[in-house]
Amino acid sequence: MPPVNANSVPFQTYNSWPGIDDPGKLRVNTPQIRVAAKRLEAHLEDLLAATEKLNRPEPVAFGQWDAALSFQPSVEAGHQSLADQHSRVLHALMSTIKKLHRAANVYDANEVDLERRIAAVDKRLSVQPTADLGGHDPSSAPSRQVPAVPNSLNPDGRN
């Protein structure tokens, strides 16, 4: 059977076929998904490059006076928290990129390279990767309840 020229059939004929652009149905536009995945990969590259700036300050940077020495554990705890959150963002972004690649039927070695680089960041920052990207361990949270502050992500100030 010879190929059908799309211009030889009136456009409204195609639109009346069942299954084409059904309202309420999901339609995957793989080129747009590939573009979104590429943009996220570029953001991931930026975050991987920013990792070089996440260095823990040396103890000598605080000096030897009493207030500085008592401040040092807080700085180290803050650095560890920042490193943990940075790692979570890297892993969540990689997970999203993988899902986009699967949705767009893109499978390549690029994911392997990005995963290797994220693992190197985790090792350098002494972070344990986690599969739980949604929250943190409640046992490590402070015991006092802090009221939520309204902001752009939580306009009502609800927990």
N, C-alpha and C. Protein backbone atom coordinates (compact mmCIF):
# COMPACT_ATOMS: atom_id res chain seq x y z
N MET A 1 0.85 -1.17 0.00
CA MET A 1 0.00 0.00 0.00
C MET A 1 0.89 1.23 0.00
N PRO A 2 0.64 2.20 -0.90
CA PRO A 2 1.48 3.40 -0.97
C PRO A 2 1.27 4.27 0.27
N PRO A 3 2.29 5.05 0.64
CA PRO A 3 2.13 5.94 1.80
C PRO A 3 1.07 7.00 1.53
N VAL A 4 0.40 7.40 2.58
CA VAL A 4 -0.66 8.40 2.47
C VAL A 4 -0.06 9.78 2.70
N ASN A 5 -0.35 10.67 1.78
CA ASN A 5 0.09 12.04 1.93
C ASN A 5 -0.88 12.74 2.88
N ALA A 6 -0.37 13.30 3.98
CA ALA A 6 -1.22 13.94 4.98
C ALA A 6 -1.97 15.13 4.40
N ASN A 7 -1.42 15.76 3.38
CA ASN A 7 -2.09 16.92 2.79
C ASN A 7 -3.23 16.54 1.87
N SER A 8 -3.33 15.26 1.50
CA SER A 8 -4.38 14.84 0.58
C SER A 8 -5.71 14.60 1.29
N VAL A 9 -5.68 14.54 2.61
CA VAL A 9 -6.91 14.30 3.38
C VAL A 9 -7.23 15.58 4.15
N PRO A 10 -8.47 16.01 4.14
CA PRO A 10 -8.82 17.24 4.88
C PRO A 10 -8.49 17.09 6.37
N PHE A 11 -8.01 18.19 6.96
CA PHE A 11 -7.55 18.18 8.34
C PHE A 11 -8.65 17.76 9.32
N GLN A 12 -9.89 18.18 9.08
CA GLN A 12 -10.98 17.85 9.99
C GLN A 12 -11.26 16.35 10.03
N THR A 13 -10.86 15.62 8.99
CA THR A 13 -11.04 14.17 8.98
C THR A 13 -10.22 13.53 10.09
N TYR A 14 -8.98 13.97 10.24
CA TYR A 14 -8.13 13.42 11.29
C TYR A 14 -8.66 13.76 12.67
N ASN A 15 -9.20 14.96 12.82
CA ASN A 15 -9.69 15.38 14.13
C ASN A 15 -10.94 14.63 14.57
N SER A 16 -11.65 14.02 13.65
CA SER A 16 -12.87 13.32 14.04
C SER A 16 -12.61 11.86 14.41
N TRP A 17 -11.38 11.40 14.31
CA TRP A 17 -11.08 10.02 14.67
C TRP A 17 -11.12 9.87 16.19
N PRO A 18 -11.71 8.77 16.66
CA PRO A 18 -11.71 8.55 18.11
C PRO A 18 -10.28 8.26 18.59
N GLY A 19 -9.97 8.74 19.77
CA GLY A 19 -8.66 8.48 20.35
C GLY A 19 -7.64 9.57 20.09
N ILE A 20 -7.93 10.49 19.16
CA ILE A 20 -7.00 11.58 18.90
C ILE A 20 -7.42 12.78 19.73
N ASP A 21 -6.52 13.22 20.58
CA ASP A 21 -6.76 14.37 21.45
C ASP A 21 -8.05 14.24 22.25
N ASP A 22 -8.28 13.05 22.83
CA ASP A 22 -9.44 12.89 23.70
C ASP A 22 -9.30 13.82 24.90
N PRO A 23 -10.36 14.58 25.21
CA PRO A 23 -10.26 15.45 26.37
C PRO A 23 -10.11 14.60 27.65
N GLY A 24 -9.26 15.07 28.55
CA GLY A 24 -9.05 14.36 29.80
C GLY A 24 -8.05 13.22 29.71
N LYS A 25 -7.53 12.94 28.54
CA LYS A 25 -6.56 11.86 28.36
C LYS A 25 -5.16 12.44 28.29
N LEU A 26 -4.20 11.67 28.75
CA LEU A 26 -2.80 12.09 28.75
C LEU A 26 -2.21 11.89 27.36
N ARG A 27 -1.55 12.92 26.89
CA ARG A 27 -0.86 12.83 25.61
C ARG A 27 0.58 13.24 25.84
N VAL A 28 1.52 12.38 25.50
CA VAL A 28 2.93 12.62 25.76
C VAL A 28 3.57 13.26 24.55
N ASN A 29 4.18 14.40 24.77
CA ASN A 29 4.92 15.10 23.73
C ASN A 29 6.40 14.85 24.02
N THR A 30 6.94 13.79 23.43
CA THR A 30 8.31 13.39 23.76
C THR A 30 9.36 14.45 23.45
N PRO A 31 9.25 15.23 22.38
CA PRO A 31 10.27 16.28 22.18
C PRO A 31 10.31 17.29 23.34
N GLN A 32 9.14 17.67 23.87
CA GLN A 32 9.12 18.60 24.99
C GLN A 32 9.69 17.95 26.24
N ILE A 33 9.44 16.68 26.43
CA ILE A 33 9.97 15.98 27.60
C ILE A 33 11.49 15.91 27.49
N ARG A 34 12.00 15.65 26.29
CA ARG A 34 13.46 15.62 26.11
C ARG A 34 14.09 16.98 26.40
N VAL A 35 13.41 18.06 25.98
CA VAL A 35 13.91 19.41 26.25
C VAL A 35 13.93 19.67 27.75
N ALA A 36 12.87 19.27 28.45
CA ALA A 36 12.82 19.47 29.91
C ALA A 36 13.92 18.67 30.59
N ALA A 37 14.15 17.44 30.14
CA ALA A 37 15.22 16.62 30.72
C ALA A 37 16.58 17.27 30.49
N LYS A 38 16.81 17.80 29.30
CA LYS A 38 18.08 18.48 29.02
C LYS A 38 18.27 19.70 29.91
N ARG A 39 17.19 20.45 30.13
CA ARG A 39 17.30 21.63 31.00
C ARG A 39 17.62 21.21 32.43
N LEU A 40 16.96 20.15 32.90
CA LEU A 40 17.25 19.67 34.25
C LEU A 40 18.68 19.15 34.35
N GLU A 41 19.17 18.52 33.29
CA GLU A 41 20.56 18.06 33.28
C GLU A 41 21.51 19.25 33.39
N ALA A 42 21.18 20.35 32.72
CA ALA A 42 22.01 21.55 32.82
C ALA A 42 22.00 22.10 34.24
N HIS A 43 20.82 22.10 34.88
CA HIS A 43 20.73 22.54 36.28
C HIS A 43 21.53 21.61 37.18
N LEU A 44 21.46 20.32 36.90
CA LEU A 44 22.23 19.36 37.69
C LEU A 44 23.72 19.61 37.53
N GLU A 45 24.15 19.92 36.33
CA GLU A 45 25.56 20.25 36.10
C GLU A 45 25.96 21.47 36.93
N ASP A 46 25.10 22.48 36.97
CA ASP A 46 25.40 23.68 37.76
C ASP A 46 25.52 23.33 39.24
N LEU A 47 24.61 22.48 39.74
CA LEU A 47 24.66 22.09 41.14
C LEU A 47 25.89 21.24 41.45
N LEU A 48 26.26 20.39 40.52
CA LEU A 48 27.47 19.59 40.72
C LEU A 48 28.70 20.50 40.78
N ALA A 49 28.72 21.54 39.95
CA ALA A 49 29.83 22.48 39.97
C ALA A 49 29.83 23.30 41.27
N ALA A 50 28.64 23.61 41.78
CA ALA A 50 28.54 24.39 43.02
C ALA A 50 29.02 23.59 44.23
N THR A 51 29.09 22.29 44.09
CA THR A 51 29.53 21.44 45.19
C THR A 51 30.94 21.80 45.63
N GLU A 52 31.74 22.28 44.71
CA GLU A 52 33.12 22.64 45.04
C GLU A 52 33.18 23.75 46.09
N LYS A 53 32.10 24.53 46.20
CA LYS A 53 32.07 25.63 47.16
C LYS A 53 31.60 25.18 48.54
N LEU A 54 31.14 23.95 48.68
CA LEU A 54 30.62 23.46 49.96
C LEU A 54 31.73 22.85 50.81
N ASN A 55 32.71 23.64 51.13
CA ASN A 55 33.81 23.16 51.94
C ASN A 55 33.58 23.52 53.41
N ARG A 56 33.86 22.57 54.28
CA ARG A 56 33.76 22.82 55.71
C ARG A 56 34.92 23.72 56.12
N PRO A 57 34.65 24.76 56.91
CA PRO A 57 35.75 25.63 57.34
C PRO A 57 36.71 24.88 58.28
N GLU A 58 37.96 25.19 58.14
CA GLU A 58 38.98 24.59 59.01
C GLU A 58 38.83 25.17 60.41
N PRO A 59 39.14 24.39 61.44
CA PRO A 59 39.03 24.89 62.82
C PRO A 59 39.84 26.15 63.09
N VAL A 60 40.97 26.30 62.40
CA VAL A 60 41.79 27.49 62.63
C VAL A 60 41.09 28.76 62.15
N ALA A 61 40.08 28.62 61.29
CA ALA A 61 39.36 29.79 60.79
C ALA A 61 38.55 30.47 61.88
N PHE A 62 38.26 29.76 62.98
CA PHE A 62 37.45 30.32 64.04
C PHE A 62 38.27 31.08 65.08
N GLY A 63 39.56 30.85 65.09
CA GLY A 63 40.40 31.48 66.09
C GLY A 63 40.41 30.65 67.37
N GLN A 64 41.00 31.21 68.39
CA GLN A 64 41.15 30.48 69.64
C GLN A 64 40.36 31.08 70.79
N TRP A 65 39.62 32.14 70.56
CA TRP A 65 38.89 32.75 71.66
C TRP A 65 37.64 31.94 71.99
N ASP A 66 37.14 32.05 73.18
CA ASP A 66 36.10 31.18 73.71
C ASP A 66 34.80 31.22 72.91
N ALA A 67 34.34 32.39 72.52
CA ALA A 67 33.09 32.48 71.76
C ALA A 67 33.22 31.80 70.40
N ALA A 68 34.37 31.94 69.77
CA ALA A 68 34.58 31.31 68.46
C ALA A 68 34.61 29.80 68.60
N LEU A 69 35.26 29.31 69.63
CA LEU A 69 35.33 27.86 69.83
C LEU A 69 33.96 27.27 70.15
N SER A 70 33.12 28.01 70.86
CA SER A 70 31.78 27.50 71.15
C SER A 70 30.86 27.63 69.94
N PHE A 71 31.20 28.50 69.01
CA PHE A 71 30.40 28.67 67.79
C PHE A 71 30.72 27.59 66.75
N GLN A 72 31.90 27.02 66.81
CA GLN A 72 32.36 26.05 65.81
C GLN A 72 31.42 24.85 65.65
N PRO A 73 30.91 24.21 66.72
CA PRO A 73 30.00 23.07 66.52
C PRO A 73 28.73 23.45 65.76
N SER A 74 28.24 24.66 65.98
CA SER A 74 27.04 25.11 65.25
C SER A 74 27.32 25.24 63.76
N VAL A 75 28.49 25.78 63.45
CA VAL A 75 28.87 25.92 62.04
C VAL A 75 29.02 24.55 61.40
N GLU A 76 29.64 23.62 62.09
CA GLU A 76 29.82 22.27 61.54
C GLU A 76 28.48 21.57 61.36
N ALA A 77 27.56 21.73 62.31
CA ALA A 77 26.22 21.14 62.18
C ALA A 77 25.48 21.77 61.01
N GLY A 78 25.60 23.09 60.86
CA GLY A 78 24.96 23.77 59.73
C GLY A 78 25.53 23.31 58.40
N HIS A 79 26.85 23.12 58.35
CA HIS A 79 27.47 22.64 57.12
C HIS A 79 26.98 21.24 56.78
N GLN A 80 26.89 20.37 57.79
CA GLN A 80 26.42 19.01 57.54
C GLN A 80 24.97 19.01 57.06
N SER A 81 24.15 19.87 57.65
CA SER A 81 22.76 19.98 57.21
C SER A 81 22.68 20.47 55.77
N LEU A 82 23.49 21.46 55.44
CA LEU A 82 23.53 21.97 54.07
C LEU A 82 23.99 20.89 53.09
N ALA A 83 25.01 20.13 53.48
CA ALA A 83 25.51 19.05 52.63
C ALA A 83 24.44 17.97 52.43
N ASP A 84 23.72 17.64 53.50
CA ASP A 84 22.64 16.64 53.38
C ASP A 84 21.55 17.12 52.42
N GLN A 85 21.14 18.38 52.56
CA GLN A 85 20.09 18.90 51.69
C GLN A 85 20.58 19.01 50.25
N HIS A 86 21.82 19.39 50.05
CA HIS A 86 22.39 19.46 48.70
C HIS A 86 22.35 18.08 48.05
N SER A 87 22.71 17.07 48.83
CA SER A 87 22.69 15.70 48.32
C SER A 87 21.27 15.28 47.97
N ARG A 88 20.31 15.62 48.81
CA ARG A 88 18.90 15.27 48.53
C ARG A 88 18.43 15.90 47.21
N VAL A 89 18.80 17.17 47.01
CA VAL A 89 18.41 17.85 45.77
C VAL A 89 19.04 17.16 44.57
N LEU A 90 20.33 16.80 44.68
CA LEU A 90 21.00 16.12 43.56
C LEU A 90 20.30 14.80 43.24
N HIS A 91 19.99 14.01 44.27
CA HIS A 91 19.36 12.72 44.03
C HIS A 91 17.93 12.87 43.50
N ALA A 92 17.19 13.84 44.02
CA ALA A 92 15.83 14.07 43.52
C ALA A 92 15.85 14.52 42.07
N LEU A 93 16.79 15.39 41.73
CA LEU A 93 16.91 15.86 40.35
C LEU A 93 17.28 14.72 39.42
N MET A 94 18.19 13.86 39.86
CA MET A 94 18.58 12.71 39.04
C MET A 94 17.39 11.77 38.86
N SER A 95 16.62 11.56 39.90
CA SER A 95 15.43 10.70 39.81
C SER A 95 14.43 11.28 38.80
N THR A 96 14.24 12.59 38.84
CA THR A 96 13.32 13.24 37.90
C THR A 96 13.83 13.11 36.47
N ILE A 97 15.12 13.30 36.27
CA ILE A 97 15.70 13.17 34.93
C ILE A 97 15.50 11.75 34.41
N LYS A 98 15.70 10.76 35.26
CA LYS A 98 15.50 9.37 34.84
C LYS A 98 14.05 9.13 34.42
N LYS A 99 13.12 9.65 35.20
CA LYS A 99 11.70 9.47 34.87
C LYS A 99 11.36 10.15 33.55
N LEU A 100 11.91 11.33 33.33
CA LEU A 100 11.67 12.02 32.05
C LEU A 100 12.27 11.23 30.90
N HIS A 101 13.47 10.68 31.09
CA HIS A 101 14.08 9.87 30.03
C HIS A 101 13.23 8.65 29.72
N ARG A 102 12.70 8.02 30.76
CA ARG A 102 11.83 6.85 30.51
C ARG A 102 10.57 7.27 29.77
N ALA A 103 10.00 8.41 30.16
CA ALA A 103 8.76 8.88 29.51
C ALA A 103 9.02 9.22 28.05
N ALA A 104 10.21 9.70 27.74
CA ALA A 104 10.53 10.09 26.37
C ALA A 104 11.27 8.99 25.62
N ASN A 105 11.38 7.82 26.25
CA ASN A 105 12.07 6.68 25.65
C ASN A 105 13.52 7.00 25.30
N VAL A 106 14.19 7.68 26.22
CA VAL A 106 15.60 8.02 26.04
C VAL A 106 16.39 7.22 27.06
N TYR A 107 17.26 6.36 26.59
CA TYR A 107 18.11 5.59 27.48
C TYR A 107 19.53 5.76 26.98
N ASP A 108 20.38 6.32 27.81
CA ASP A 108 21.76 6.49 27.37
C ASP A 108 22.71 6.42 28.56
N ALA A 109 23.98 6.51 28.28
CA ALA A 109 25.02 6.39 29.30
C ALA A 109 25.16 7.68 30.11
N ASN A 110 24.49 8.75 29.69
CA ASN A 110 24.59 10.01 30.41
C ASN A 110 24.13 9.87 31.85
N GLU A 111 23.05 9.09 32.09
CA GLU A 111 22.56 8.88 33.45
C GLU A 111 23.63 8.22 34.31
N VAL A 112 24.34 7.27 33.76
CA VAL A 112 25.37 6.57 34.51
C VAL A 112 26.46 7.54 34.93
N ASP A 113 26.87 8.42 34.03
CA ASP A 113 27.90 9.41 34.35
C ASP A 113 27.41 10.37 35.43
N LEU A 114 26.17 10.84 35.32
CA LEU A 114 25.64 11.75 36.33
C LEU A 114 25.54 11.06 37.69
N GLU A 115 25.09 9.80 37.71
CA GLU A 115 25.00 9.07 38.97
C GLU A 115 26.38 8.89 39.60
N ARG A 116 27.38 8.63 38.78
CA ARG A 116 28.75 8.48 39.29
C ARG A 116 29.22 9.78 39.92
N ARG A 117 28.92 10.90 39.27
CA ARG A 117 29.35 12.19 39.79
C ARG A 117 28.62 12.56 41.09
N ILE A 118 27.32 12.22 41.17
CA ILE A 118 26.57 12.47 42.40
C ILE A 118 27.12 11.62 43.54
N ALA A 119 27.46 10.36 43.25
CA ALA A 119 28.05 9.48 44.27
C ALA A 119 29.38 10.06 44.75
N ALA A 120 30.16 10.64 43.85
CA ALA A 120 31.42 11.26 44.25
C ALA A 120 31.18 12.46 45.16
N VAL A 121 30.12 13.23 44.88
CA VAL A 121 29.77 14.37 45.73
C VAL A 121 29.38 13.87 47.12
N ASP A 122 28.55 12.83 47.17
CA ASP A 122 28.14 12.27 48.46
C ASP A 122 29.35 11.83 49.27
N LYS A 123 30.30 11.20 48.60
CA LYS A 123 31.50 10.72 49.29
C LYS A 123 32.33 11.90 49.79
N ARG A 124 32.50 12.93 48.94
CA ARG A 124 33.31 14.08 49.32
C ARG A 124 32.70 14.85 50.48
N LEU A 125 31.36 14.93 50.50
CA LEU A 125 30.68 15.68 51.55
C LEU A 125 30.35 14.81 52.77
N SER A 126 30.75 13.54 52.73
CA SER A 126 30.46 12.59 53.81
C SER A 126 28.97 12.52 54.11
N VAL A 127 28.18 12.32 53.05
CA VAL A 127 26.72 12.25 53.16
C VAL A 127 26.28 10.84 52.81
N GLN A 128 25.34 10.33 53.58
CA GLN A 128 24.75 9.04 53.28
C GLN A 128 23.56 9.27 52.34
N PRO A 129 23.61 8.74 51.11
CA PRO A 129 22.47 8.93 50.20
C PRO A 129 21.24 8.23 50.78
N THR A 130 20.09 8.80 50.48
CA THR A 130 18.85 8.25 50.99
C THR A 130 17.85 8.07 49.87
N ALA A 131 16.98 7.09 50.02
CA ALA A 131 15.93 6.89 49.03
C ALA A 131 14.72 7.75 49.39
N ASP A 132 14.64 8.21 50.66
CA ASP A 132 13.54 9.03 51.11
C ASP A 132 13.85 10.49 50.80
N LEU A 133 13.29 11.01 49.72
CA LEU A 133 13.58 12.37 49.31
C LEU A 133 12.58 13.37 49.84
N GLY A 134 11.56 12.89 50.52
CA GLY A 134 10.49 13.78 50.95
C GLY A 134 10.69 14.42 52.29
N GLY A 135 11.44 13.84 53.18
CA GLY A 135 11.52 14.40 54.52
C GLY A 135 12.82 14.07 55.19
N HIS A 136 12.82 14.19 56.49
CA HIS A 136 14.01 13.86 57.25
C HIS A 136 13.61 12.99 58.42
N ASP A 137 14.58 12.53 59.14
CA ASP A 137 14.35 11.67 60.29
C ASP A 137 13.80 12.52 61.42
N PRO A 138 12.54 12.28 61.84
CA PRO A 138 11.96 13.12 62.88
C PRO A 138 12.69 13.01 64.22
N SER A 139 13.41 11.92 64.45
CA SER A 139 14.12 11.77 65.71
C SER A 139 15.28 12.77 65.82
N SER A 140 15.75 13.28 64.69
CA SER A 140 16.84 14.25 64.73
C SER A 140 16.34 15.69 64.81
N ALA A 141 15.02 15.87 64.74
CA ALA A 141 14.45 17.22 64.78
C ALA A 141 14.42 17.72 66.22
N PRO A 142 14.45 19.05 66.39
CA PRO A 142 14.36 19.59 67.73
C PRO A 142 13.02 19.22 68.36
N SER A 143 13.01 19.09 69.69
CA SER A 143 11.79 18.63 70.37
C SER A 143 10.74 19.72 70.46
N ARG A 144 11.12 20.99 70.46
CA ARG A 144 10.12 22.04 70.59
C ARG A 144 9.43 22.27 69.26
N GLN A 145 8.17 22.60 69.30
CA GLN A 145 7.36 22.83 68.10
C GLN A 145 7.46 24.30 67.72
N VAL A 146 7.97 24.59 66.54
CA VAL A 146 8.09 25.96 66.06
C VAL A 146 6.91 26.24 65.15
N PRO A 147 6.16 27.32 65.42
CA PRO A 147 5.01 27.62 64.56
C PRO A 147 5.47 27.96 63.14
N ALA A 148 4.68 27.55 62.18
CA ALA A 148 5.00 27.81 60.78
C ALA A 148 4.81 29.29 60.48
N VAL A 149 5.69 29.84 59.68
CA VAL A 149 5.63 31.23 59.29
C VAL A 149 5.04 31.32 57.90
N PRO A 150 4.08 32.20 57.69
CA PRO A 150 3.54 32.33 56.33
C PRO A 150 4.62 32.79 55.36
N ASN A 151 4.64 32.19 54.18
CA ASN A 151 5.55 32.60 53.12
C ASN A 151 4.92 32.25 51.79
N SER A 152 5.65 32.41 50.70
CA SER A 152 5.06 32.18 49.39
C SER A 152 4.69 30.72 49.16
N LEU A 153 5.40 29.81 49.84
CA LEU A 153 5.08 28.39 49.68
C LEU A 153 4.04 27.92 50.68
N ASN A 154 3.83 28.69 51.72
CA ASN A 154 2.88 28.33 52.77
C ASN A 154 2.15 29.60 53.20
N PRO A 155 1.26 30.13 52.37
CA PRO A 155 0.66 31.45 52.64
C PRO A 155 -0.18 31.49 53.89
N ASP A 156 -0.74 30.36 54.34
CA ASP A 156 -1.57 30.35 55.52
C ASP A 156 -0.78 30.13 56.80
N GLY A 157 0.49 29.76 56.68
CA GLY A 157 1.31 29.52 57.85
C GLY A 157 0.94 28.23 58.55
N ARG A 158 0.36 27.28 57.82
CA ARG A 158 -0.02 25.99 58.42
C ARG A 158 1.11 24.99 58.31
N ASN A 159 1.19 24.11 59.27
CA ASN A 159 2.19 23.03 59.22
C ASN A 159 1.74 21.92 58.34
